[in-house]
């Protein structure tokens, strides 16, 4: 996997905090908006719940919620 996948919803202010953190630390993300059916179904297949976004998937593990996402992003910065 080239970049971690961020499952988010574009208008979500909590998701914006996570994406801004990644931008500020030069971490490239594959952003997938769960507003759309494809990313929504991918997230469900990984065991996620679109009501608990953001999620970050690193190819091995799915991180749920802002605190877990930011903690994992810190390891990539």
C-alpha atoms as a PDB file:
ATOM      1  CA  UNK A   1       0.000   0.000   0.000  1.00  0.00           C
ATOM      2  CA  UNK A   2       1.464   3.317  -1.076  1.00  0.00           C
ATOM      3  CA  UNK A   3      -0.568   5.652   1.118  1.00  0.00           C
ATOM      4  CA  UNK A   4      -2.802   5.054   4.121  1.00  0.00           C
ATOM      5  CA  UNK A   5      -6.496   5.272   3.280  1.00  0.00           C
ATOM      6  CA  UNK A   6      -8.556   7.863   5.144  1.00  0.00           C
ATOM      7  CA  UNK A   7     -12.268   7.157   5.188  1.00  0.00           C
ATOM      8  CA  UNK A   8     -13.961  10.465   5.890  1.00  0.00           C
ATOM      9  CA  UNK A   9     -16.948  12.648   5.034  1.00  0.00           C
ATOM     10  CA  UNK A  10     -16.047  15.943   3.357  1.00  0.00           C
ATOM     11  CA  UNK A  11     -18.248  18.237   5.542  1.00  0.00           C
ATOM     12  CA  UNK A  12     -17.097  16.569   8.796  1.00  0.00           C
ATOM     13  CA  UNK A  13     -15.140  19.002  10.995  1.00  0.00           C
ATOM     14  CA  UNK A  14     -13.568  16.150  12.979  1.00  0.00           C
ATOM     15  CA  UNK A  15     -12.331  14.592   9.743  1.00  0.00           C
ATOM     16  CA  UNK A  16     -10.891  17.967   8.724  1.00  0.00           C
ATOM     17  CA  UNK A  17      -8.721  17.977  11.851  1.00  0.00           C
ATOM     18  CA  UNK A  18      -7.215  14.634  10.834  1.00  0.00           C
ATOM     19  CA  UNK A  19      -6.639  15.595   7.203  1.00  0.00           C
ATOM     20  CA  UNK A  20      -5.117  18.942   8.248  1.00  0.00           C
ATOM     21  CA  UNK A  21      -2.724  17.146  10.613  1.00  0.00           C
ATOM     22  CA  UNK A  22      -1.622  14.859   7.779  1.00  0.00           C
ATOM     23  CA  UNK A  23      -1.142  17.831   5.435  1.00  0.00           C
ATOM     24  CA  UNK A  24       0.879  19.780   8.006  1.00  0.00           C
ATOM     25  CA  UNK A  25       3.192  16.806   8.556  1.00  0.00           C
ATOM     26  CA  UNK A  26       3.642  15.869   4.891  1.00  0.00           C
ATOM     27  CA  UNK A  27       1.718  12.599   5.159  1.00  0.00           C
ATOM     28  CA  UNK A  28       0.049  11.660   1.901  1.00  0.00           C
ATOM     29  CA  UNK A  29      -3.360  10.072   2.286  1.00  0.00           C
ATOM     30  CA  UNK A  30      -5.680   8.288  -0.101  1.00  0.00           C
ATOM     31  CA  UNK A  31      -8.888  10.152   0.812  1.00  0.00           C
ATOM     32  CA  UNK A  32     -12.126   8.218   0.356  1.00  0.00           C
ATOM     33  CA  UNK A  33     -15.392  10.010   1.056  1.00  0.00           C
ATOM     34  CA  UNK A  34     -18.008   7.686   2.576  1.00  0.00           C
ATOM     35  CA  UNK A  35     -20.698   9.880   1.024  1.00  0.00           C
ATOM     36  CA  UNK A  36     -20.123   7.715  -2.053  1.00  0.00           C
ATOM     37  CA  UNK A  37     -21.205   4.099  -2.305  1.00  0.00           C
ATOM     38  CA  UNK A  38     -17.801   2.605  -3.208  1.00  0.00           C
ATOM     39  CA  UNK A  39     -15.831   3.978  -0.245  1.00  0.00           C
ATOM     40  CA  UNK A  40     -18.818   3.400   2.062  1.00  0.00           C
ATOM     41  CA  UNK A  41     -18.949  -0.277   1.089  1.00  0.00           C
ATOM     42  CA  UNK A  42     -15.156  -0.623   1.422  1.00  0.00           C
ATOM     43  CA  UNK A  43     -15.331   0.739   4.963  1.00  0.00           C
ATOM     44  CA  UNK A  44     -18.155  -1.630   5.883  1.00  0.00           C
ATOM     45  CA  UNK A  45     -16.188  -4.577   4.461  1.00  0.00           C
ATOM     46  CA  UNK A  46     -13.263  -3.631   6.729  1.00  0.00           C
ATOM     47  CA  UNK A  47     -15.582  -3.665   9.736  1.00  0.00           C
ATOM     48  CA  UNK A  48     -16.012   0.089  10.034  1.00  0.00           C
ATOM     49  CA  UNK A  49     -19.120   2.162  10.717  1.00  0.00           C
ATOM     50  CA  UNK A  50     -19.569   5.349   8.682  1.00  0.00           C
ATOM     51  CA  UNK A  51     -21.178   6.984  11.737  1.00  0.00           C
ATOM     52  CA  UNK A  52     -17.829   6.819  13.572  1.00  0.00           C
ATOM     53  CA  UNK A  53     -15.538   8.523  11.062  1.00  0.00           C
ATOM     54  CA  UNK A  54     -12.741   9.283  10.485  1.00  0.00           C
ATOM     55  CA  UNK A  55     -11.045   5.949   9.906  1.00  0.00           C
ATOM     56  CA  UNK A  56      -7.520   5.270   8.749  1.00  0.00           C
ATOM     57  CA  UNK A  57      -6.539   1.994   7.115  1.00  0.00           C
ATOM     58  CA  UNK A  58      -2.831   1.225   6.720  1.00  0.00           C
ATOM     59  CA  UNK A  59      -3.221  -2.031   4.816  1.00  0.00           C
ATOM     60  CA  UNK A  60      -3.199  -4.114   7.990  1.00  0.00           C
ATOM     61  CA  UNK A  61      -5.205  -2.327  10.660  1.00  0.00           C
ATOM     62  CA  UNK A  62      -8.259  -0.051  10.730  1.00  0.00           C
ATOM     63  CA  UNK A  63      -8.001   2.880  13.164  1.00  0.00           C
ATOM     64  CA  UNK A  64     -11.334   4.346  14.348  1.00  0.00           C
ATOM     65  CA  UNK A  65     -11.955   7.906  15.489  1.00  0.00           C
ATOM     66  CA  UNK A  66      -9.877  11.049  15.628  1.00  0.00           C
ATOM     67  CA  UNK A  67      -7.678  10.084  18.596  1.00  0.00           C
ATOM     68  CA  UNK A  68      -6.668   6.730  17.117  1.00  0.00           C
ATOM     69  CA  UNK A  69      -6.185   8.197  13.644  1.00  0.00           C
ATOM     70  CA  UNK A  70      -3.990  11.037  14.917  1.00  0.00           C
ATOM     71  CA  UNK A  71      -1.960   8.663  17.097  1.00  0.00           C
ATOM     72  CA  UNK A  72      -1.210   6.480  14.078  1.00  0.00           C
ATOM     73  CA  UNK A  73      -0.466   9.485  11.868  1.00  0.00           C
ATOM     74  CA  UNK A  74       2.076  10.616  14.468  1.00  0.00           C
ATOM     75  CA  UNK A  75       3.982   7.375  13.883  1.00  0.00           C
ATOM     76  CA  UNK A  76       4.125   8.193  10.155  1.00  0.00           C
ATOM     77  CA  UNK A  77       5.238  11.818  10.528  1.00  0.00           C
END
